[in-house]
């Protein structure tokens, strides 16, 4: 897909494992949620607060159902994208 002038790319990369779509779905869904808990900005500098305050009022939540070899099996992803550091 060609990026449109009014679009902003915020995340790009490869996921570490295959995913599957839920039954009867044709695309990956997402939700935009308010930051109902609020963000604690008391421990960051004024410069960071000025930049961060307006950026953290909403979140994009994307659900990626992991493909598993058999029903009931749970797989842990050690990173959200392959370019991220791995978690222990």
PDB file of N, CA and C in Angstrom:
ATOM      1  N   UNK A   1       0.838  -1.174   0.000  1.00  0.00           N
ATOM      2  CA  UNK A   1       0.000   0.000   0.000  1.00  0.00           C
ATOM      3  C   UNK A   1       0.886   1.241   0.000  1.00  0.00           C
ATOM      4  N   UNK A   2       0.519   2.206  -0.764  1.00  0.00           N
ATOM      5  CA  UNK A   2       1.242   3.471  -0.806  1.00  0.00           C
ATOM      6  C   UNK A   2       0.750   4.373   0.316  1.00  0.00           C
ATOM      7  N   UNK A   3       1.702   4.951   1.059  1.00  0.00           N
ATOM      8  CA  UNK A   3       1.331   5.836   2.162  1.00  0.00           C
ATOM      9  C   UNK A   3       0.744   7.126   1.611  1.00  0.00           C
ATOM     10  N   UNK A   4      -0.393   7.517   2.152  1.00  0.00           N
ATOM     11  CA  UNK A   4      -1.085   8.737   1.742  1.00  0.00           C
ATOM     12  C   UNK A   4      -0.511   9.930   2.499  1.00  0.00           C
ATOM     13  N   UNK A   5      -0.631  11.151   1.954  1.00  0.00           N
ATOM     14  CA  UNK A   5      -0.064  12.335   2.607  1.00  0.00           C
ATOM     15  C   UNK A   5      -0.596  12.581   4.021  1.00  0.00           C
ATOM     16  N   UNK A   6      -1.819  12.194   4.303  1.00  0.00           N
ATOM     17  CA  UNK A   6      -2.395  12.440   5.630  1.00  0.00           C
ATOM     18  C   UNK A   6      -2.181  11.268   6.591  1.00  0.00           C
ATOM     19  N   UNK A   7      -1.420  10.247   6.202  1.00  0.00           N
ATOM     20  CA  UNK A   7      -1.162   9.093   7.045  1.00  0.00           C
ATOM     21  C   UNK A   7       0.222   9.202   7.679  1.00  0.00           C
ATOM     22  N   UNK A   8       0.337   8.696   8.904  1.00  0.00           N
ATOM     23  CA  UNK A   8       1.608   8.688   9.612  1.00  0.00           C
ATOM     24  C   UNK A   8       1.923   7.251   9.998  1.00  0.00           C
ATOM     25  N   UNK A   9       3.074   6.758   9.599  1.00  0.00           N
ATOM     26  CA  UNK A   9       3.518   5.418   9.965  1.00  0.00           C
ATOM     27  C   UNK A   9       4.051   5.466  11.388  1.00  0.00           C
ATOM     28  N   UNK A  10       3.462   4.679  12.286  1.00  0.00           N
ATOM     29  CA  UNK A  10       3.902   4.710  13.675  1.00  0.00           C
ATOM     30  C   UNK A  10       4.609   3.433  14.110  1.00  0.00           C
ATOM     31  N   UNK A  11       4.461   2.345  13.371  1.00  0.00           N
ATOM     32  CA  UNK A  11       5.070   1.090  13.753  1.00  0.00           C
ATOM     33  C   UNK A  11       5.262   0.236  12.510  1.00  0.00           C
ATOM     34  N   UNK A  12       6.453  -0.308  12.372  1.00  0.00           N
ATOM     35  CA  UNK A  12       6.731  -1.152  11.220  1.00  0.00           C
ATOM     36  C   UNK A  12       7.680  -2.252  11.664  1.00  0.00           C
ATOM     37  N   UNK A  13       7.400  -3.465  11.273  1.00  0.00           N
ATOM     38  CA  UNK A  13       8.283  -4.559  11.633  1.00  0.00           C
ATOM     39  C   UNK A  13       7.632  -5.898  11.389  1.00  0.00           C
ATOM     40  N   UNK A  14       8.333  -6.931  11.823  1.00  0.00           N
ATOM     41  CA  UNK A  14       7.856  -8.303  11.658  1.00  0.00           C
ATOM     42  C   UNK A  14       7.530  -8.885  13.026  1.00  0.00           C
ATOM     43  N   UNK A  15       6.407  -9.602  13.111  1.00  0.00           N
ATOM     44  CA  UNK A  15       6.054 -10.264  14.356  1.00  0.00           C
ATOM     45  C   UNK A  15       6.837 -11.572  14.454  1.00  0.00           C
ATOM     46  N   UNK A  16       7.116 -12.027  15.676  1.00  0.00           N
ATOM     47  CA  UNK A  16       7.997 -13.183  15.843  1.00  0.00           C
ATOM     48  C   UNK A  16       7.371 -14.542  15.529  1.00  0.00           C
ATOM     49  N   UNK A  17       6.066 -14.611  15.490  1.00  0.00           N
ATOM     50  CA  UNK A  17       5.388 -15.887  15.255  1.00  0.00           C
ATOM     51  C   UNK A  17       4.172 -15.658  14.357  1.00  0.00           C
ATOM     52  N   UNK A  18       3.652 -16.724  13.750  1.00  0.00           N
ATOM     53  CA  UNK A  18       2.446 -16.574  12.921  1.00  0.00           C
ATOM     54  C   UNK A  18       1.220 -16.207  13.767  1.00  0.00           C
ATOM     55  N   UNK A  19       0.283 -15.538  13.129  1.00  0.00           N
ATOM     56  CA  UNK A  19      -0.998 -15.235  13.759  1.00  0.00           C
ATOM     57  C   UNK A  19      -2.101 -15.822  12.881  1.00  0.00           C
ATOM     58  N   UNK A  20      -3.306 -15.829  13.390  1.00  0.00           N
ATOM     59  CA  UNK A  20      -4.456 -16.253  12.601  1.00  0.00           C
ATOM     60  C   UNK A  20      -5.595 -15.282  12.875  1.00  0.00           C
ATOM     61  N   UNK A  21      -6.526 -15.219  11.980  1.00  0.00           N
ATOM     62  CA  UNK A  21      -7.696 -14.371  12.181  1.00  0.00           C
ATOM     63  C   UNK A  21      -8.774 -15.167  12.907  1.00  0.00           C
ATOM     64  N   UNK A  22      -9.591 -14.462  13.666  1.00  0.00           N
ATOM     65  CA  UNK A  22     -10.717 -15.118  14.313  1.00  0.00           C
ATOM     66  C   UNK A  22     -11.682 -15.606  13.241  1.00  0.00           C
ATOM     67  N   UNK A  23     -12.454 -16.609  13.572  1.00  0.00           N
ATOM     68  CA  UNK A  23     -13.417 -17.175  12.638  1.00  0.00           C
ATOM     69  C   UNK A  23     -14.363 -16.087  12.136  1.00  0.00           C
ATOM     70  N   UNK A  24     -14.643 -16.097  10.862  1.00  0.00           N
ATOM     71  CA  UNK A  24     -15.540 -15.150  10.188  1.00  0.00           C
ATOM     72  C   UNK A  24     -14.986 -13.720  10.119  1.00  0.00           C
ATOM     73  N   UNK A  25     -13.701 -13.535  10.334  1.00  0.00           N
ATOM     74  CA  UNK A  25     -13.094 -12.211  10.185  1.00  0.00           C
ATOM     75  C   UNK A  25     -12.151 -12.233   8.996  1.00  0.00           C
ATOM     76  N   UNK A  26     -12.079 -11.099   8.309  1.00  0.00           N
ATOM     77  CA  UNK A  26     -11.238 -11.014   7.127  1.00  0.00           C
ATOM     78  C   UNK A  26     -10.046 -10.090   7.311  1.00  0.00           C
ATOM     79  N   UNK A  27     -10.012  -9.364   8.429  1.00  0.00           N
ATOM     80  CA  UNK A  27      -8.885  -8.472   8.681  1.00  0.00           C
ATOM     81  C   UNK A  27      -8.653  -8.336  10.179  1.00  0.00           C
ATOM     82  N   UNK A  28      -7.486  -7.833  10.536  1.00  0.00           N
ATOM     83  CA  UNK A  28      -7.140  -7.636  11.942  1.00  0.00           C
ATOM     84  C   UNK A  28      -7.868  -6.401  12.445  1.00  0.00           C
ATOM     85  N   UNK A  29      -8.522  -6.540  13.584  1.00  0.00           N
ATOM     86  CA  UNK A  29      -9.269  -5.426  14.162  1.00  0.00           C
ATOM     87  C   UNK A  29      -8.416  -4.612  15.117  1.00  0.00           C
ATOM     88  N   UNK A  30      -8.896  -3.420  15.419  1.00  0.00           N
ATOM     89  CA  UNK A  30      -8.230  -2.567  16.395  1.00  0.00           C
ATOM     90  C   UNK A  30      -9.268  -1.681  17.063  1.00  0.00           C
ATOM     91  N   UNK A  31      -8.907  -1.156  18.214  1.00  0.00           N
ATOM     92  CA  UNK A  31      -9.749  -0.218  18.953  1.00  0.00           C
ATOM     93  C   UNK A  31      -8.905   0.982  19.340  1.00  0.00           C
ATOM     94  N   UNK A  32      -9.532   2.125  19.459  1.00  0.00           N
ATOM     95  CA  UNK A  32      -8.874   3.310  19.996  1.00  0.00           C
ATOM     96  C   UNK A  32      -9.511   3.562  21.348  1.00  0.00           C
ATOM     97  N   UNK A  33      -8.686   3.545  22.383  1.00  0.00           N
ATOM     98  CA  UNK A  33      -9.194   3.672  23.746  1.00  0.00           C
ATOM     99  C   UNK A  33      -8.632   4.913  24.418  1.00  0.00           C
ATOM    100  N   UNK A  34      -9.432   5.501  25.290  1.00  0.00           N
ATOM    101  CA  UNK A  34      -8.960   6.617  26.102  1.00  0.00           C
ATOM    102  C   UNK A  34      -8.040   6.082  27.184  1.00  0.00           C
ATOM    103  N   UNK A  35      -7.084   6.896  27.570  1.00  0.00           N
ATOM    104  CA  UNK A  35      -6.206   6.552  28.672  1.00  0.00           C
ATOM    105  C   UNK A  35      -6.947   6.866  29.962  1.00  0.00           C
ATOM    106  N   UNK A  36      -7.858   5.979  30.343  1.00  0.00           N
ATOM    107  CA  UNK A  36      -8.737   6.234  31.492  1.00  0.00           C
ATOM    108  C   UNK A  36      -7.969   6.266  32.806  1.00  0.00           C
ATOM    109  N   UNK A  37      -6.841   5.592  32.870  1.00  0.00           N
ATOM    110  CA  UNK A  37      -6.056   5.602  34.102  1.00  0.00           C
ATOM    111  C   UNK A  37      -5.229   6.875  34.227  1.00  0.00           C
ATOM    112  N   UNK A  38      -5.037   7.557  33.124  1.00  0.00           N
ATOM    113  CA  UNK A  38      -4.183   8.740  33.144  1.00  0.00           C
ATOM    114  C   UNK A  38      -2.727   8.316  33.185  1.00  0.00           C
ATOM    115  N   UNK A  39      -1.874   9.186  32.778  1.00  0.00           N
ATOM    116  CA  UNK A  39      -0.450   8.884  32.769  1.00  0.00           C
ATOM    117  C   UNK A  39       0.221   9.673  33.875  1.00  0.00           C
ATOM    118  N   UNK A  40       1.009   9.015  34.684  1.00  0.00           N
ATOM    119  CA  UNK A  40       1.728   9.701  35.751  1.00  0.00           C
ATOM    120  C   UNK A  40       2.937  10.396  35.133  1.00  0.00           C
ATOM    121  N   UNK A  41       2.875  11.698  35.046  1.00  0.00           N
ATOM    122  CA  UNK A  41       3.969  12.457  34.439  1.00  0.00           C
ATOM    123  C   UNK A  41       4.744  13.246  35.483  1.00  0.00           C
ATOM    124  N   UNK A  42       4.539  12.945  36.767  1.00  0.00           N
ATOM    125  CA  UNK A  42       5.180  13.710  37.834  1.00  0.00           C
ATOM    126  C   UNK A  42       6.679  13.477  37.896  1.00  0.00           C
ATOM    127  N   UNK A  43       7.165  12.356  37.371  1.00  0.00           N
ATOM    128  CA  UNK A  43       8.585  12.043  37.491  1.00  0.00           C
ATOM    129  C   UNK A  43       9.376  12.313  36.207  1.00  0.00           C
ATOM    130  N   UNK A  44       8.803  13.053  35.254  1.00  0.00           N
ATOM    131  CA  UNK A  44       9.548  13.375  34.043  1.00  0.00           C
ATOM    132  C   UNK A  44       9.746  14.874  33.937  1.00  0.00           C
ATOM    133  N   UNK A  45      10.713  15.281  33.134  1.00  0.00           N
ATOM    134  CA  UNK A  45      11.047  16.700  33.011  1.00  0.00           C
ATOM    135  C   UNK A  45       9.925  17.480  32.341  1.00  0.00           C
ATOM    136  N   UNK A  46       9.971  18.812  32.507  1.00  0.00           N
ATOM    137  CA  UNK A  46       8.944  19.672  31.903  1.00  0.00           C
ATOM    138  C   UNK A  46       8.950  19.522  30.388  1.00  0.00           C
ATOM    139  N   UNK A  47      10.139  19.429  29.782  1.00  0.00           N
ATOM    140  CA  UNK A  47      10.227  19.284  28.321  1.00  0.00           C
ATOM    141  C   UNK A  47       9.552  17.994  27.871  1.00  0.00           C
ATOM    142  N   UNK A  48       9.849  16.900  28.564  1.00  0.00           N
ATOM    143  CA  UNK A  48       9.216  15.622  28.220  1.00  0.00           C
ATOM    144  C   UNK A  48       7.718  15.677  28.481  1.00  0.00           C
ATOM    145  N   UNK A  49       7.318  16.322  29.571  1.00  0.00           N
ATOM    146  CA  UNK A  49       5.898  16.432  29.923  1.00  0.00           C
ATOM    147  C   UNK A  49       5.140  17.179  28.840  1.00  0.00           C
ATOM    148  N   UNK A  50       5.722  18.277  28.337  1.00  0.00           N
ATOM    149  CA  UNK A  50       5.060  19.064  27.295  1.00  0.00           C
ATOM    150  C   UNK A  50       4.831  18.231  26.042  1.00  0.00           C
ATOM    151  N   UNK A  51       5.792  17.376  25.705  1.00  0.00           N
ATOM    152  CA  UNK A  51       5.677  16.542  24.509  1.00  0.00           C
ATOM    153  C   UNK A  51       4.780  15.341  24.777  1.00  0.00           C
ATOM    154  N   UNK A  52       4.943  14.705  25.924  1.00  0.00           N
ATOM    155  CA  UNK A  52       4.269  13.449  26.221  1.00  0.00           C
ATOM    156  C   UNK A  52       2.806  13.621  26.605  1.00  0.00           C
ATOM    157  N   UNK A  53       2.474  14.693  27.283  1.00  0.00           N
ATOM    158  CA  UNK A  53       1.136  14.858  27.839  1.00  0.00           C
ATOM    159  C   UNK A  53       0.039  14.679  26.791  1.00  0.00           C
ATOM    160  N   UNK A  54       0.176  15.339  25.649  1.00  0.00           N
ATOM    161  CA  UNK A  54      -0.878  15.237  24.642  1.00  0.00           C
ATOM    162  C   UNK A  54      -0.784  13.958  23.814  1.00  0.00           C
ATOM    163  N   UNK A  55       0.353  13.284  23.859  1.00  0.00           N
ATOM    164  CA  UNK A  55       0.513  12.068  23.065  1.00  0.00           C
ATOM    165  C   UNK A  55      -0.077  10.829  23.739  1.00  0.00           C
ATOM    166  N   UNK A  56      -0.286  10.863  25.029  1.00  0.00           N
ATOM    167  CA  UNK A  56      -0.690   9.661  25.756  1.00  0.00           C
ATOM    168  C   UNK A  56      -2.134   9.694  26.232  1.00  0.00           C
ATOM    169  N   UNK A  57      -2.972  10.449  25.592  1.00  0.00           N
ATOM    170  CA  UNK A  57      -4.366  10.489  26.020  1.00  0.00           C
ATOM    171  C   UNK A  57      -5.192   9.369  25.387  1.00  0.00           C
ATOM    172  N   UNK A  58      -4.678   8.741  24.333  1.00  0.00           N
ATOM    173  CA  UNK A  58      -5.389   7.641  23.672  1.00  0.00           C
ATOM    174  C   UNK A  58      -4.382   6.541  23.327  1.00  0.00           C
ATOM    175  N   UNK A  59      -4.905   5.334  23.229  1.00  0.00           N
ATOM    176  CA  UNK A  59      -4.098   4.182  22.854  1.00  0.00           C
ATOM    177  C   UNK A  59      -4.762   3.452  21.703  1.00  0.00           C
ATOM    178  N   UNK A  60      -3.962   2.895  20.820  1.00  0.00           N
ATOM    179  CA  UNK A  60      -4.469   1.995  19.784  1.00  0.00           C
ATOM    180  C   UNK A  60      -4.211   0.583  20.288  1.00  0.00           C
ATOM    181  N   UNK A  61      -5.260  -0.217  20.370  1.00  0.00           N
ATOM    182  CA  UNK A  61      -5.157  -1.585  20.850  1.00  0.00           C
ATOM    183  C   UNK A  61      -5.410  -2.509  19.663  1.00  0.00           C
ATOM    184  N   UNK A  62      -4.395  -3.296  19.331  1.00  0.00           N
ATOM    185  CA  UNK A  62      -4.485  -4.247  18.219  1.00  0.00           C
ATOM    186  C   UNK A  62      -4.387  -5.649  18.817  1.00  0.00           C
ATOM    187  N   UNK A  63      -5.333  -6.498  18.475  1.00  0.00           N
ATOM    188  CA  UNK A  63      -5.313  -7.875  18.961  1.00  0.00           C
ATOM    189  C   UNK A  63      -4.807  -8.775  17.840  1.00  0.00           C
ATOM    190  N   UNK A  64      -3.694  -9.461  18.116  1.00  0.00           N
ATOM    191  CA  UNK A  64      -3.116 -10.394  17.155  1.00  0.00           C
ATOM    192  C   UNK A  64      -3.241 -11.807  17.723  1.00  0.00           C
ATOM    193  N   UNK A  65      -4.244 -12.554  17.297  1.00  0.00           N
ATOM    194  CA  UNK A  65      -4.409 -13.911  17.822  1.00  0.00           C
ATOM    195  C   UNK A  65      -3.264 -14.820  17.351  1.00  0.00           C
ATOM    196  N   UNK A  66      -2.531 -15.375  18.298  1.00  0.00           N
ATOM    197  CA  UNK A  66      -1.395 -16.232  17.966  1.00  0.00           C
ATOM    198  C   UNK A  66      -1.884 -17.556  17.388  1.00  0.00           C
ATOM    199  N   UNK A  67      -1.201 -18.005  16.356  1.00  0.00           N
ATOM    200  CA  UNK A  67      -1.470 -19.338  15.818  1.00  0.00           C
ATOM    201  C   UNK A  67      -0.763 -20.341  16.729  1.00  0.00           C
ATOM    202  N   UNK A  68      -1.468 -21.353  17.184  1.00  0.00           N
ATOM    203  CA  UNK A  68      -0.878 -22.372  18.057  1.00  0.00           C
ATOM    204  C   UNK A  68      -1.000 -23.737  17.399  1.00  0.00           C
ATOM    205  N   UNK A  69      -0.021 -24.618  17.657  1.00  0.00           N
ATOM    206  CA  UNK A  69      -0.063 -25.929  17.012  1.00  0.00           C
ATOM    207  C   UNK A  69      -1.226 -26.812  17.451  1.00  0.00           C
ATOM    208  N   UNK A  70      -1.719 -26.604  18.671  1.00  0.00           N
ATOM    209  CA  UNK A  70      -2.883 -27.377  19.094  1.00  0.00           C
ATOM    210  C   UNK A  70      -3.715 -26.562  20.074  1.00  0.00           C
ATOM    211  N   UNK A  71      -5.001 -26.828  20.089  1.00  0.00           N
ATOM    212  CA  UNK A  71      -5.943 -26.084  20.921  1.00  0.00           C
ATOM    213  C   UNK A  71      -5.557 -26.164  22.395  1.00  0.00           C
ATOM    214  N   UNK A  72      -5.647 -25.032  23.072  1.00  0.00           N
ATOM    215  CA  UNK A  72      -5.340 -24.978  24.491  1.00  0.00           C
ATOM    216  C   UNK A  72      -3.884 -24.697  24.810  1.00  0.00           C
ATOM    217  N   UNK A  73      -3.026 -24.764  23.818  1.00  0.00           N
ATOM    218  CA  UNK A  73      -1.615 -24.503  24.038  1.00  0.00           C
ATOM    219  C   UNK A  73      -1.386 -22.996  24.120  1.00  0.00           C
ATOM    220  N   UNK A  74      -0.511 -22.571  25.015  1.00  0.00           N
ATOM    221  CA  UNK A  74      -0.196 -21.164  25.185  1.00  0.00           C
ATOM    222  C   UNK A  74       1.249 -20.931  24.762  1.00  0.00           C
ATOM    223  N   UNK A  75       1.461 -19.970  23.875  1.00  0.00           N
ATOM    224  CA  UNK A  75       2.806 -19.611  23.439  1.00  0.00           C
ATOM    225  C   UNK A  75       3.134 -18.209  23.925  1.00  0.00           C
ATOM    226  N   UNK A  76       4.319 -18.030  24.455  1.00  0.00           N
ATOM    227  CA  UNK A  76       4.779 -16.737  24.934  1.00  0.00           C
ATOM    228  C   UNK A  76       5.654 -16.105  23.860  1.00  0.00           C
ATOM    229  N   UNK A  77       5.353 -14.883  23.497  1.00  0.00           N
ATOM    230  CA  UNK A  77       6.217 -14.142  22.590  1.00  0.00           C
ATOM    231  C   UNK A  77       7.216 -13.379  23.443  1.00  0.00           C
ATOM    232  N   UNK A  78       8.500 -13.514  23.144  1.00  0.00           N
ATOM    233  CA  UNK A  78       9.515 -12.831  23.945  1.00  0.00           C
ATOM    234  C   UNK A  78       9.824 -11.424  23.430  1.00  0.00           C
ATOM    235  N   UNK A  79       9.116 -10.988  22.391  1.00  0.00           N
ATOM    236  CA  UNK A  79       9.239  -9.616  21.895  1.00  0.00           C
ATOM    237  C   UNK A  79       8.021  -9.319  21.016  1.00  0.00           C
ATOM    238  N   UNK A  80       7.572  -8.058  20.963  1.00  0.00           N
ATOM    239  CA  UNK A  80       6.403  -7.739  20.150  1.00  0.00           C
ATOM    240  C   UNK A  80       6.710  -7.734  18.652  1.00  0.00           C
ATOM    241  N   UNK A  81       7.893  -7.301  18.292  1.00  0.00           N
ATOM    242  CA  UNK A  81       8.383  -7.329  16.907  1.00  0.00           C
ATOM    243  C   UNK A  81       9.811  -7.845  16.940  1.00  0.00           C
ATOM    244  N   UNK A  82      10.261  -8.443  15.862  1.00  0.00           N
ATOM    245  CA  UNK A  82      11.599  -9.033  15.857  1.00  0.00           C
ATOM    246  C   UNK A  82      12.711  -8.006  16.030  1.00  0.00           C
ATOM    247  N   UNK A  83      12.455  -6.756  15.749  1.00  0.00           N
ATOM    248  CA  UNK A  83      13.467  -5.711  15.912  1.00  0.00           C
ATOM    249  C   UNK A  83      13.579  -5.210  17.357  1.00  0.00           C
ATOM    250  N   UNK A  84      12.651  -5.617  18.239  1.00  0.00           N
ATOM    251  CA  UNK A  84      12.673  -5.216  19.649  1.00  0.00           C
ATOM    252  C   UNK A  84      13.593  -6.144  20.434  1.00  0.00           C
ATOM    253  N   UNK A  85      14.152  -5.671  21.553  1.00  0.00           N
ATOM    254  CA  UNK A  85      14.934  -6.572  22.405  1.00  0.00           C
ATOM    255  C   UNK A  85      14.054  -7.671  22.996  1.00  0.00           C
ATOM    256  N   UNK A  86      14.633  -8.839  23.184  1.00  0.00           N
ATOM    257  CA  UNK A  86      13.875  -9.970  23.743  1.00  0.00           C
ATOM    258  C   UNK A  86      13.758  -9.836  25.253  1.00  0.00           C
ATOM    259  N   UNK A  87      12.600 -10.248  25.780  1.00  0.00           N
ATOM    260  CA  UNK A  87      12.354 -10.238  27.222  1.00  0.00           C
ATOM    261  C   UNK A  87      12.785 -11.580  27.807  1.00  0.00           C
ATOM    262  N   UNK A  88      13.179 -11.556  29.052  1.00  0.00           N
ATOM    263  CA  UNK A  88      13.531 -12.807  29.744  1.00  0.00           C
ATOM    264  C   UNK A  88      12.303 -13.454  30.329  1.00  0.00           C
TER     265      UNK A  88
END
